[in-house]
Protein backbone atom coordinates (compact mmCIF):
# COMPACT_ATOMS: atom_id res chain seq x y z
CA MET A 1 69.25 10.90 -52.51
CA ALA A 2 68.65 14.73 -52.49
CA ASP A 3 66.20 14.19 -55.44
CA ASP A 4 64.21 10.89 -54.08
CA ASP A 5 63.49 12.86 -50.61
CA GLU A 6 62.41 15.73 -52.49
CA ALA A 7 59.76 13.76 -54.51
CA VAL A 8 59.14 11.98 -51.60
CA VAL A 9 57.62 15.47 -50.14
CA VAL A 10 55.90 16.70 -52.82
CA THR A 11 53.92 13.19 -53.22
CA GLY A 12 52.94 13.62 -49.75
CA VAL A 13 51.86 17.10 -49.76
CA SER A 14 49.77 16.28 -53.03
CA MET A 15 48.17 13.59 -51.31
CA ALA A 16 47.52 15.33 -48.06
CA SER A 17 45.97 17.79 -50.23
CA SER A 18 43.65 15.20 -52.20
CA ALA A 19 41.99 13.34 -49.37
CA SER A 20 41.49 16.93 -48.17
CA ARG A 21 39.66 17.82 -51.02
CA GLY A 22 37.60 14.05 -51.62
CA GLY A 23 36.69 14.63 -47.44
CA GLY A 24 34.56 17.75 -48.34
CA GLY A 25 31.50 16.76 -48.94
CA SER A 26 31.32 14.49 -46.07
CA THR A 27 32.23 17.08 -43.82
CA MET A 28 29.04 19.59 -44.94
CA ASP A 29 26.52 16.55 -44.75
CA GLN A 30 27.28 15.98 -41.36
CA VAL A 31 27.06 19.70 -40.11
CA LYS A 32 23.68 20.04 -41.96
CA LYS A 33 21.93 16.97 -40.37
CA ARG A 34 23.13 18.41 -36.92
CA THR A 35 21.73 22.06 -37.79
CA ASP A 36 18.31 20.21 -39.01
CA LYS A 37 18.03 17.71 -35.74
CA ALA A 38 19.36 20.81 -33.41
CA ALA A 39 16.27 22.47 -35.13
CA ALA A 40 13.99 20.01 -34.77
CA GLU A 41 14.80 19.32 -31.07
CA ARG A 42 14.25 22.99 -30.62
CA GLU A 43 10.89 22.83 -32.37
CA LYS A 44 9.59 20.13 -30.19
CA VAL A 45 10.80 21.18 -27.27
CA VAL A 46 8.58 24.67 -28.13
CA LYS A 47 5.79 22.26 -28.60
CA GLU A 48 5.59 20.34 -26.07
CA ARG A 49 5.82 23.84 -24.18
CA LEU A 50 2.70 25.11 -25.49
CA GLU A 51 0.71 21.99 -25.34
CA ARG A 52 1.97 22.01 -21.42
CA VAL A 53 0.57 25.69 -21.23
CA LYS A 54 -2.89 25.09 -22.89
CA ALA A 55 -3.33 22.35 -21.16
CA GLY A 56 -2.11 24.13 -17.96
CA MET A 57 -5.06 27.44 -18.83
CA GLU A 58 -7.77 24.74 -19.25
CA ALA A 59 -7.50 22.96 -16.37
CA GLU A 60 -8.10 25.97 -14.41
CA GLN A 61 -10.86 26.95 -16.54
CA ARG A 62 -12.62 23.53 -15.07
CA LYS A 63 -11.34 23.85 -12.24
CA ARG A 64 -12.81 27.60 -12.03
CA LYS A 65 -16.36 26.29 -13.29
CA ALA A 66 -16.24 23.73 -11.27
CA GLU A 67 -15.71 25.88 -8.35
CA ASP A 68 -18.25 28.09 -9.57
CA LYS A 69 -20.91 25.52 -9.57
CA ALA A 70 -20.33 24.19 -6.68
CA ALA A 71 -21.27 27.91 -4.91
CA ALA A 72 -24.35 28.14 -6.58
CA GLU A 73 -25.28 24.98 -5.78
CA ALA A 74 -23.93 25.59 -1.89
CA ALA A 75 -25.76 28.90 -2.35
CA LYS A 76 -29.43 27.63 -3.59
CA LYS A 77 -29.22 24.61 -0.77
CA ALA A 78 -28.88 27.60 1.73
CA LYS A 79 -31.47 29.43 0.38
CA GLN A 80 -33.93 26.17 0.46
CA ALA A 81 -32.60 25.33 3.80
CA THR A 82 -34.24 28.96 5.45
CA VAL A 83 -37.46 29.13 3.57
CA PRO A 84 -38.47 25.91 5.69
CA ALA A 85 -37.80 28.14 8.64
CA SER A 86 -39.50 31.51 7.97
CA LEU A 87 -42.54 29.23 6.95
CA ASP A 88 -42.20 27.47 10.25
CA ASP A 89 -42.44 31.35 11.85
CA LEU A 90 -44.96 32.34 9.82
CA TYR A 91 -47.49 29.36 9.76
CA GLY A 92 -46.06 26.94 12.39
CA GLY A 93 -49.71 27.48 14.40
CA LEU A 94 -51.82 26.73 11.78
CA PRO A 95 -52.94 23.21 11.97
CA PRO A 96 -51.75 20.50 9.62
CA ALA A 97 -53.56 20.37 6.20
CA ASP A 98 -56.61 18.28 5.82
CA PRO A 99 -57.33 16.67 2.83
CA LYS A 100 -61.01 16.04 3.20
CA LYS A 101 -61.55 19.67 3.57
CA ASP A 102 -59.21 20.89 0.58
CA GLU A 103 -61.28 18.10 -1.20
CA VAL A 104 -64.47 20.12 -0.10
CA MET A 105 -63.06 23.47 -0.69
CA ALA A 106 -62.08 22.47 -4.19
CA MET A 107 -65.11 21.36 -4.98
CA ARG A 108 -67.02 24.20 -3.83
CA LEU A 109 -64.38 26.34 -6.38
CA LYS A 110 -65.58 23.83 -9.02
CA GLU A 111 -69.01 24.40 -8.82
CA LYS A 112 -68.73 28.43 -8.20
CA GLU A 113 -67.05 28.52 -11.81
CA ASN A 114 -69.94 26.33 -13.12
CA TRP A 115 -72.07 28.55 -12.20
CA ARG A 116 -70.85 31.10 -13.38
CA SER A 117 -70.37 30.02 -16.91
CA HIS A 118 -73.74 28.90 -16.82
CA ARG A 119 -75.24 31.72 -14.95
CA PHE A 120 -76.39 33.24 -17.68
CA PRO A 121 -76.87 32.27 -21.84
CA THR A 122 -74.33 33.49 -24.38
CA LEU A 123 -75.85 36.73 -25.76
CA PRO A 124 -76.55 36.67 -29.48
CA SER A 125 -74.71 38.53 -31.74
CA GLU A 126 -75.35 42.44 -32.17
CA ASP A 127 -78.10 43.52 -34.33
CA PRO A 128 -77.53 47.25 -35.26
CA THR A 129 -80.84 47.62 -36.46
CA LYS A 130 -82.66 46.67 -33.70
CA VAL A 131 -82.64 49.38 -30.41
CA ILE A 132 -83.71 49.97 -27.29
CA PHE A 133 -84.52 53.21 -25.81
CA LEU A 134 -83.78 52.25 -22.01
CA ASP A 135 -84.66 55.22 -19.14
CA VAL A 136 -83.02 54.51 -15.91
CA ASP A 137 -85.25 56.06 -13.10
CA GLY A 138 -88.81 54.41 -12.91
CA VAL A 139 -87.13 51.76 -14.99
CA LEU A 140 -83.86 49.66 -13.76
CA ARG A 141 -84.33 51.55 -10.44
CA PRO A 142 -87.41 52.98 -8.00
CA LEU A 143 -87.91 56.86 -9.43
CA THR A 144 -86.44 58.54 -6.35
CA ALA A 145 -84.39 60.86 -5.27
CA GLY A 146 -80.98 59.96 -5.67
CA GLY A 147 -79.01 57.41 -7.73
CA PHE A 148 -75.65 59.58 -7.43
CA ARG A 149 -73.14 60.67 -4.99
CA ALA A 150 -71.19 64.13 -5.07
CA MET A 151 -68.36 64.84 -3.39
CA MET A 152 -65.68 67.30 -3.04
CA VAL A 153 -62.65 66.74 -5.86
CA ASP A 154 -59.88 69.65 -5.69
CA GLY A 155 -62.39 72.25 -5.07
CA GLU A 156 -64.70 70.96 -7.24
CA TRP A 157 -67.97 68.84 -7.38
CA ALA A 158 -67.39 64.86 -9.17
CA LEU A 159 -70.59 62.99 -9.19
CA ARG A 160 -70.37 58.49 -8.66
CA ALA A 161 -73.54 56.94 -9.77
CA GLU A 162 -75.03 54.89 -7.12
CA THR A 163 -76.66 51.46 -8.17
CA ALA A 164 -76.98 49.96 -4.74
CA ASP A 165 -80.84 49.94 -5.39
CA PHE A 166 -81.15 49.18 -8.92
CA ILE A 167 -83.64 46.36 -9.22
CA SER A 168 -82.54 42.83 -10.47
CA SER A 169 -85.80 41.69 -11.82
CA SER A 170 -85.66 44.28 -14.17
CA LEU A 171 -82.06 43.92 -15.13
CA LEU A 172 -82.66 40.38 -15.69
CA ALA A 173 -85.98 42.04 -18.04
CA VAL A 174 -83.77 44.15 -20.16
CA ARG A 175 -81.28 40.84 -20.74
CA HIS A 176 -84.40 39.08 -21.70
CA ILE A 177 -84.56 41.48 -24.46
CA VAL A 178 -80.91 41.61 -25.45
CA GLU A 179 -81.18 37.82 -25.55
CA GLN A 180 -84.33 37.50 -27.95
CA THR A 181 -83.22 40.28 -30.26
CA GLY A 182 -79.77 40.95 -30.10
CA ALA A 183 -80.85 44.64 -29.73
CA LEU A 184 -78.67 47.65 -29.26
CA ILE A 185 -79.26 49.58 -25.94
CA VAL A 186 -79.12 53.41 -26.47
CA LEU A 187 -79.54 55.66 -22.95
CA SER A 188 -81.89 57.91 -23.08
CA SER A 189 -82.22 58.46 -19.50
CA GLU A 190 -81.12 61.88 -17.73
CA TRP A 191 -78.21 59.44 -16.41
CA ARG A 192 -76.39 60.46 -20.37
CA ARG A 193 -75.82 63.56 -19.42
CA ASP A 194 -72.64 62.93 -17.14
CA GLN A 195 -70.05 60.36 -17.80
CA PRO A 196 -70.07 58.61 -14.04
CA MET A 197 -73.68 58.58 -14.11
CA ARG A 198 -72.92 56.74 -18.02
CA GLU A 199 -70.22 54.60 -16.72
CA GLY A 200 -72.61 53.56 -13.39
CA VAL A 201 -75.41 52.07 -16.29
CA ASP A 202 -72.64 50.29 -18.58
CA ASN A 203 -71.34 48.99 -15.52
CA ILE A 204 -74.17 47.46 -13.72
CA LEU A 205 -75.21 45.87 -17.14
CA ALA A 206 -71.49 44.25 -17.08
CA GLU A 207 -72.51 42.88 -14.07
CA TYR A 208 -75.53 40.88 -15.74
CA GLU A 209 -72.91 40.38 -18.37
CA MET A 210 -74.43 42.44 -21.09
CA ARG A 211 -72.62 44.47 -23.59
CA PRO A 212 -72.28 48.47 -22.36
CA CYS A 213 -74.80 50.91 -23.88
CA ALA A 214 -73.65 51.54 -28.04
CA THR A 215 -74.68 55.09 -27.31
CA TRP A 216 -77.11 57.72 -26.15
CA THR A 217 -79.61 59.92 -27.58
CA PRO A 218 -78.67 64.20 -28.16
CA THR A 219 -78.20 66.26 -25.12
CA ASP A 220 -78.46 69.64 -26.76
CA LEU A 221 -82.10 69.94 -27.82
CA GLN A 222 -84.22 72.60 -25.60
CA ARG A 223 -87.68 71.98 -24.21
CA ASP A 224 -90.84 74.23 -25.22
CA MET A 225 -90.92 76.89 -22.81
CA GLY A 226 -93.90 77.74 -24.53
CA THR A 227 -96.30 75.18 -23.15
CA ASP A 228 -97.60 75.51 -19.34
CA ASN A 229 -96.98 72.37 -19.03
CA PRO A 230 -93.51 71.59 -18.02
CA PHE A 231 -94.06 67.89 -17.82
CA ARG A 232 -95.34 67.55 -21.18
CA ALA A 233 -92.54 69.66 -22.40
CA PHE A 234 -90.44 67.02 -20.73
CA THR A 235 -91.51 64.40 -22.46
CA GLU A 236 -92.13 66.48 -25.71
CA ARG A 237 -88.31 66.88 -26.02
CA ARG A 238 -87.72 63.25 -24.83
CA ALA A 239 -89.87 62.31 -27.78
CA ARG A 240 -87.69 64.78 -30.57
CA GLU A 241 -84.24 63.53 -29.06
CA ILE A 242 -85.19 60.10 -29.82
CA SER A 243 -86.90 60.80 -33.00
CA GLN A 244 -83.35 63.04 -33.96
CA TRP A 245 -81.54 59.80 -32.98
CA VAL A 246 -83.20 57.60 -34.99
CA GLY A 247 -83.14 59.89 -38.04
CA GLY A 248 -79.51 59.76 -38.30
CA ASN A 249 -79.56 56.15 -38.16
CA PRO A 250 -81.14 54.81 -41.21
CA GLN A 251 -79.99 51.45 -39.99
CA VAL A 252 -82.04 50.83 -37.54
CA LYS A 253 -85.28 49.49 -38.56
CA GLN A 254 -87.27 48.57 -35.31
CA TRP A 255 -86.70 49.97 -32.08
CA VAL A 256 -88.74 50.51 -28.27
CA VAL A 257 -89.17 52.89 -26.09
CA ILE A 258 -88.58 51.72 -22.41
CA ASP A 259 -89.78 54.28 -20.32
CA ASP A 260 -91.72 55.43 -17.00
CA ILE A 261 -92.67 58.55 -18.70
CA ASN A 262 -96.31 57.58 -21.19
CA MET A 263 -94.17 58.91 -24.25
CA ALA A 264 -97.44 58.53 -26.02
CA ASP A 265 -98.26 61.80 -24.69
CA ALA A 266 -95.71 63.59 -26.96
CA ASP A 267 -97.88 62.61 -29.73
CA GLY A 268 -100.62 65.11 -29.84
CA GLU A 269 -98.50 67.95 -30.13
CA ARG A 270 -95.77 66.88 -32.34
CA LYS A 271 -93.37 68.90 -33.79
CA PRO A 272 -91.78 68.50 -37.76
CA GLY A 273 -89.14 65.55 -37.81
CA THR A 274 -90.72 63.80 -34.45
CA LEU A 275 -91.66 59.94 -34.45
CA LEU A 276 -95.11 58.41 -33.03
CA MET A 277 -94.20 57.10 -29.75
CA ALA A 278 -97.06 55.00 -28.80
CA PRO A 279 -96.62 52.36 -31.08
CA ARG A 280 -93.29 52.16 -29.42
CA ILE A 281 -93.54 52.86 -26.16
CA VAL A 282 -93.48 50.02 -22.87
CA GLN A 283 -94.34 52.06 -19.84
CA THR A 284 -93.00 50.77 -16.44
CA HIS A 285 -94.44 51.13 -13.23
CA ARG A 286 -92.01 53.47 -11.22
CA LYS A 287 -92.12 51.84 -8.41
CA ILE A 288 -91.76 48.40 -9.43
CA GLY A 289 -89.75 48.67 -12.49
CA LEU A 290 -89.44 46.52 -16.02
CA THR A 291 -90.81 43.31 -15.60
CA LEU A 292 -90.45 40.14 -17.63
CA GLU A 293 -93.98 40.95 -19.23
CA GLN A 294 -93.42 43.97 -20.41
CA ALA A 295 -90.01 42.84 -21.70
CA LYS A 296 -91.59 40.00 -23.82
CA ALA A 297 -94.03 42.79 -25.25
CA ALA A 298 -90.46 44.94 -25.84
CA VAL A 299 -89.63 41.96 -27.90
CA ARG A 300 -92.50 41.22 -29.78
CA ILE A 301 -91.98 45.68 -30.78
CA LEU A 302 -88.62 44.87 -32.08
CA ARG A 303 -89.86 41.44 -34.59
CA GLY A 304 -92.04 43.60 -35.84
CA GLU A 305 -95.44 43.00 -34.36
CA LYS A 306 -97.82 45.69 -33.97
CA LEU A 307 -99.10 45.58 -30.48
CA PRO A 308 -101.77 47.67 -28.82
CA PRO A 309 -99.84 50.64 -26.73
CA GLN A 310 -98.09 49.21 -23.52
CA ILE A 311 -99.20 52.06 -21.06
CA LEU A 312 -100.16 51.89 -17.54
CA ALA A 313 -103.58 52.82 -16.76
CA ILE A 314 -102.70 54.41 -13.49
CA GLN A 315 -99.15 55.56 -12.74
CA PRO A 316 -98.22 56.78 -9.28
CA HIS A 317 -97.83 60.65 -8.95
CA MET A 318 -94.22 61.88 -9.83
CA GLU A 319 -92.07 64.79 -9.36
CA LEU A 320 -90.67 66.01 -12.58
CA THR A 321 -86.42 65.36 -11.71
CA GLY A 322 -85.32 63.94 -15.06
């Protein structure tokens, strides 16, 4: 019996041990599954938490944008609400708008613009082969004292051109020459010696929609003091100034001198290099200025026609002022 009991015990132990070894694989699988499931749940929780945080941030951004937009619109409305009040304060005493008067004003403005656009014909292109030597005193304005104002600036006298007495018909006559020929204007007047005076001439030309003077004749030549007649010396020097300018510009083929001085007087005692003035002069009346008829004669000269000297039979007496 003892032997049988021992056999039973051994057999039981052996069976228990065998059962224990046989169930080990199933237990590990269950542990792994539980671990994977727990990890997946944790990952899901973390993901849901991140999504909630992101959604919260986006909601906060939308809220701020909406608040900023509402604040901007409120400020705009407040500004618009204050403008009419301020305008009422400024213009509250004015009568209401009159459509008929507004229409009349618009028509007048349109007429004014049309007048400006058609006031003068369009000038032709500049023709550098043709030149007008232009005097001022006795040509564009009556030959009288003045033509400038002097004022003290920083202890020095400063000149300012005075063009209020320029003759409109004479300026229109100059424009006629430019319209018909495209000639350049070269200032030969004593006005060329000072910048403010030259600017005064250019400004008055601009009022009549003409180009400014292209340049001016030389200012460094001296009068011939060997003559007893200072007026003749002045005329002779002006002829030399014009001749020197023409000689330095070989592109010039035709030119005319518009002056109240009879430049033909310089032809009697011409110095070497001085050109004949008689075929080129259009002499103006120093109280009347350049006329349209004289402008037409200047156009013919610039076109190469040979005219008798355009010299006045009688010219009022003048003092030598330049």
